[in-house]
Amino acid sequence: MSESIAWTVALAAALLAFIGVWALTRGLGSRFLRIWLRALGLALMLTPAPVPNFDGHYAPAYIVAFFEAAFQLQGKPAQSLKLLLATCLLATVLAALWSWVGRRTGPS
């Protein structure tokens, strides 16, 4: 499967997951928590990470981290985990800003 097809499938799966998370979080009272969970879901599913030993190829970071940690004897999940952490921190900051700006401009 070519990389572009794989990323198209990953994007479609992320969109379906986002719709599910959106539906599940609609009833939450906290605006920040709603926005954060939605942003975190997208961040986790769409963060790319380089695939070890396959220069120039990328895969979703959570898949690379899991595969490297669980199935490789000399696995190297650190880089993909760092990318996931950075993306989750960015999602948290953006969710906080979005929540704060939304509170100041009116109800959601």
C-alpha atoms as a PDB file:
ATOM      1  CA  MET A   1       0.000   0.000   0.000  1.00  0.00           C
ATOM      2  CA  SER A   2       1.476   3.352  -0.930  1.00  0.00           C
ATOM      3  CA  GLU A   3       2.078   5.895   1.783  1.00  0.00           C
ATOM      4  CA  SER A   4      -0.440   8.374   0.373  1.00  0.00           C
ATOM      5  CA  ILE A   5      -3.190   5.767   0.441  1.00  0.00           C
ATOM      6  CA  ALA A   6      -2.256   4.803   3.993  1.00  0.00           C
ATOM      7  CA  TRP A   7      -2.423   8.432   5.134  1.00  0.00           C
ATOM      8  CA  THR A   8      -5.763   8.863   3.366  1.00  0.00           C
ATOM      9  CA  VAL A   9      -7.095   5.887   5.335  1.00  0.00           C
ATOM     10  CA  ALA A  10      -5.629   7.351   8.550  1.00  0.00           C
ATOM     11  CA  LEU A  11      -7.273  10.708   7.822  1.00  0.00           C
ATOM     12  CA  ALA A  12     -10.640   9.047   7.162  1.00  0.00           C
ATOM     13  CA  ALA A  13     -10.343   7.045  10.394  1.00  0.00           C
ATOM     14  CA  ALA A  14      -9.411  10.205  12.307  1.00  0.00           C
ATOM     15  CA  LEU A  15     -12.439  11.990  10.865  1.00  0.00           C
ATOM     16  CA  LEU A  16     -14.745   9.161  11.936  1.00  0.00           C
ATOM     17  CA  ALA A  17     -13.150   9.082  15.384  1.00  0.00           C
ATOM     18  CA  PHE A  18     -13.493  12.874  15.643  1.00  0.00           C
ATOM     19  CA  ILE A  19     -17.198  12.634  14.823  1.00  0.00           C
ATOM     20  CA  GLY A  20     -17.550   9.982  17.532  1.00  0.00           C
ATOM     21  CA  VAL A  21     -15.650  12.054  20.094  1.00  0.00           C
ATOM     22  CA  TRP A  22     -17.701  15.112  19.121  1.00  0.00           C
ATOM     23  CA  ALA A  23     -20.930  13.197  19.729  1.00  0.00           C
ATOM     24  CA  LEU A  24     -19.678  11.753  23.027  1.00  0.00           C
ATOM     25  CA  THR A  25     -18.512  15.122  24.363  1.00  0.00           C
ATOM     26  CA  ARG A  26     -21.539  17.205  23.377  1.00  0.00           C
ATOM     27  CA  GLY A  27     -23.113  16.863  26.797  1.00  0.00           C
ATOM     28  CA  LEU A  28     -20.023  17.787  28.812  1.00  0.00           C
ATOM     29  CA  GLY A  29     -20.510  20.909  30.894  1.00  0.00           C
ATOM     30  CA  SER A  30     -16.921  22.113  30.656  1.00  0.00           C
ATOM     31  CA  ARG A  31     -16.173  23.971  27.434  1.00  0.00           C
ATOM     32  CA  PHE A  32     -12.424  23.425  27.902  1.00  0.00           C
ATOM     33  CA  LEU A  33     -12.839  19.675  28.449  1.00  0.00           C
ATOM     34  CA  ARG A  34     -14.985  19.332  25.309  1.00  0.00           C
ATOM     35  CA  ILE A  35     -12.505  21.217  23.151  1.00  0.00           C
ATOM     36  CA  TRP A  36      -9.489  19.500  24.733  1.00  0.00           C
ATOM     37  CA  LEU A  37     -10.804  15.958  24.206  1.00  0.00           C
ATOM     38  CA  ARG A  38     -11.656  16.736  20.601  1.00  0.00           C
ATOM     39  CA  ALA A  39      -8.257  18.303  19.902  1.00  0.00           C
ATOM     40  CA  LEU A  40      -6.431  15.520  21.723  1.00  0.00           C
ATOM     41  CA  GLY A  41      -8.151  12.857  19.623  1.00  0.00           C
ATOM     42  CA  LEU A  42      -7.056  14.516  16.391  1.00  0.00           C
ATOM     43  CA  ALA A  43      -3.556  15.140  17.705  1.00  0.00           C
ATOM     44  CA  LEU A  44      -3.075  11.522  18.730  1.00  0.00           C
ATOM     45  CA  MET A  45      -4.379  10.084  15.482  1.00  0.00           C
ATOM     46  CA  LEU A  46      -2.715  12.420  13.000  1.00  0.00           C
ATOM     47  CA  THR A  47       0.753  13.095  14.409  1.00  0.00           C
ATOM     48  CA  PRO A  48       3.289  11.691  11.938  1.00  0.00           C
ATOM     49  CA  ALA A  49       6.523  10.052  13.070  1.00  0.00           C
ATOM     50  CA  PRO A  50       9.404   8.680  11.058  1.00  0.00           C
ATOM     51  CA  VAL A  51       9.442   4.911  10.780  1.00  0.00           C
ATOM     52  CA  PRO A  52      12.759   3.561  12.111  1.00  0.00           C
ATOM     53  CA  ASN A  53      14.906   1.817   9.491  1.00  0.00           C
ATOM     54  CA  PHE A  54      12.724   3.181   6.658  1.00  0.00           C
ATOM     55  CA  ASP A  55      14.158   6.601   5.863  1.00  0.00           C
ATOM     56  CA  GLY A  56      11.669   9.016   4.373  1.00  0.00           C
ATOM     57  CA  HIS A  57       8.607   7.042   5.466  1.00  0.00           C
ATOM     58  CA  TYR A  58       6.160   8.261   8.081  1.00  0.00           C
ATOM     59  CA  ALA A  59       3.319   6.636   9.989  1.00  0.00           C
ATOM     60  CA  PRO A  60       0.978   7.773  12.770  1.00  0.00           C
ATOM     61  CA  ALA A  61       3.156   8.277  15.847  1.00  0.00           C
ATOM     62  CA  TYR A  62       0.969   6.195  18.153  1.00  0.00           C
ATOM     63  CA  ILE A  63       1.329   3.203  15.826  1.00  0.00           C
ATOM     64  CA  VAL A  64       5.105   3.634  15.543  1.00  0.00           C
ATOM     65  CA  ALA A  65       5.455   3.988  19.324  1.00  0.00           C
ATOM     66  CA  PHE A  66       3.320   0.924  20.029  1.00  0.00           C
ATOM     67  CA  PHE A  67       5.019  -1.221  17.411  1.00  0.00           C
ATOM     68  CA  GLU A  68       8.520  -0.209  18.474  1.00  0.00           C
ATOM     69  CA  ALA A  69       7.781  -0.745  22.173  1.00  0.00           C
ATOM     70  CA  ALA A  70       5.816  -3.981  21.900  1.00  0.00           C
ATOM     71  CA  PHE A  71       7.216  -5.910  18.956  1.00  0.00           C
ATOM     72  CA  GLN A  72      10.817  -4.840  18.359  1.00  0.00           C
ATOM     73  CA  LEU A  73      13.603  -6.299  20.479  1.00  0.00           C
ATOM     74  CA  GLN A  74      15.750  -3.205  19.957  1.00  0.00           C
ATOM     75  CA  GLY A  75      12.761  -0.887  19.469  1.00  0.00           C
ATOM     76  CA  LYS A  76      13.119   2.874  19.526  1.00  0.00           C
ATOM     77  CA  PRO A  77       9.764   4.377  20.549  1.00  0.00           C
ATOM     78  CA  ALA A  78      11.314   7.498  22.146  1.00  0.00           C
ATOM     79  CA  GLN A  79      11.151   9.760  19.096  1.00  0.00           C
ATOM     80  CA  SER A  80       7.513   8.998  18.336  1.00  0.00           C
ATOM     81  CA  LEU A  81       6.601   9.355  22.028  1.00  0.00           C
ATOM     82  CA  LYS A  82       8.310  12.765  22.131  1.00  0.00           C
ATOM     83  CA  LEU A  83       6.359  13.834  19.051  1.00  0.00           C
ATOM     84  CA  LEU A  84       3.109  12.641  20.647  1.00  0.00           C
ATOM     85  CA  LEU A  85       3.885  14.486  23.877  1.00  0.00           C
ATOM     86  CA  ALA A  86       4.698  17.700  22.023  1.00  0.00           C
ATOM     87  CA  THR A  87       1.527  17.447  19.955  1.00  0.00           C
ATOM     88  CA  CYS A  88      -0.599  16.748  23.035  1.00  0.00           C
ATOM     89  CA  LEU A  89       0.907  19.763  24.796  1.00  0.00           C
ATOM     90  CA  LEU A  90       0.186  21.901  21.739  1.00  0.00           C
ATOM     91  CA  ALA A  91      -3.400  20.583  21.633  1.00  0.00           C
ATOM     92  CA  THR A  92      -3.793  21.450  25.317  1.00  0.00           C
ATOM     93  CA  VAL A  93      -2.533  25.003  24.827  1.00  0.00           C
ATOM     94  CA  LEU A  94      -4.726  25.520  21.762  1.00  0.00           C
ATOM     95  CA  ALA A  95      -7.767  24.092  23.569  1.00  0.00           C
ATOM     96  CA  ALA A  96      -7.170  26.427  26.522  1.00  0.00           C
ATOM     97  CA  LEU A  97      -6.825  29.432  24.218  1.00  0.00           C
ATOM     98  CA  TRP A  98      -9.891  28.457  22.201  1.00  0.00           C
ATOM     99  CA  SER A  99     -11.897  27.943  25.369  1.00  0.00           C
ATOM    100  CA  TRP A 100     -10.759  31.267  26.813  1.00  0.00           C
ATOM    101  CA  VAL A 101     -11.454  33.201  23.606  1.00  0.00           C
ATOM    102  CA  GLY A 102     -14.838  31.518  23.273  1.00  0.00           C
ATOM    103  CA  ARG A 103     -15.793  32.532  26.819  1.00  0.00           C
ATOM    104  CA  ARG A 104     -14.924  36.120  26.060  1.00  0.00           C
ATOM    105  CA  THR A 105     -16.842  36.258  22.765  1.00  0.00           C
ATOM    106  CA  GLY A 106     -20.018  34.449  23.813  1.00  0.00           C
ATOM    107  CA  PRO A 107     -21.612  31.043  24.314  1.00  0.00           C
ATOM    108  CA  SER A 108     -20.608  28.073  22.162  1.00  0.00           C
END
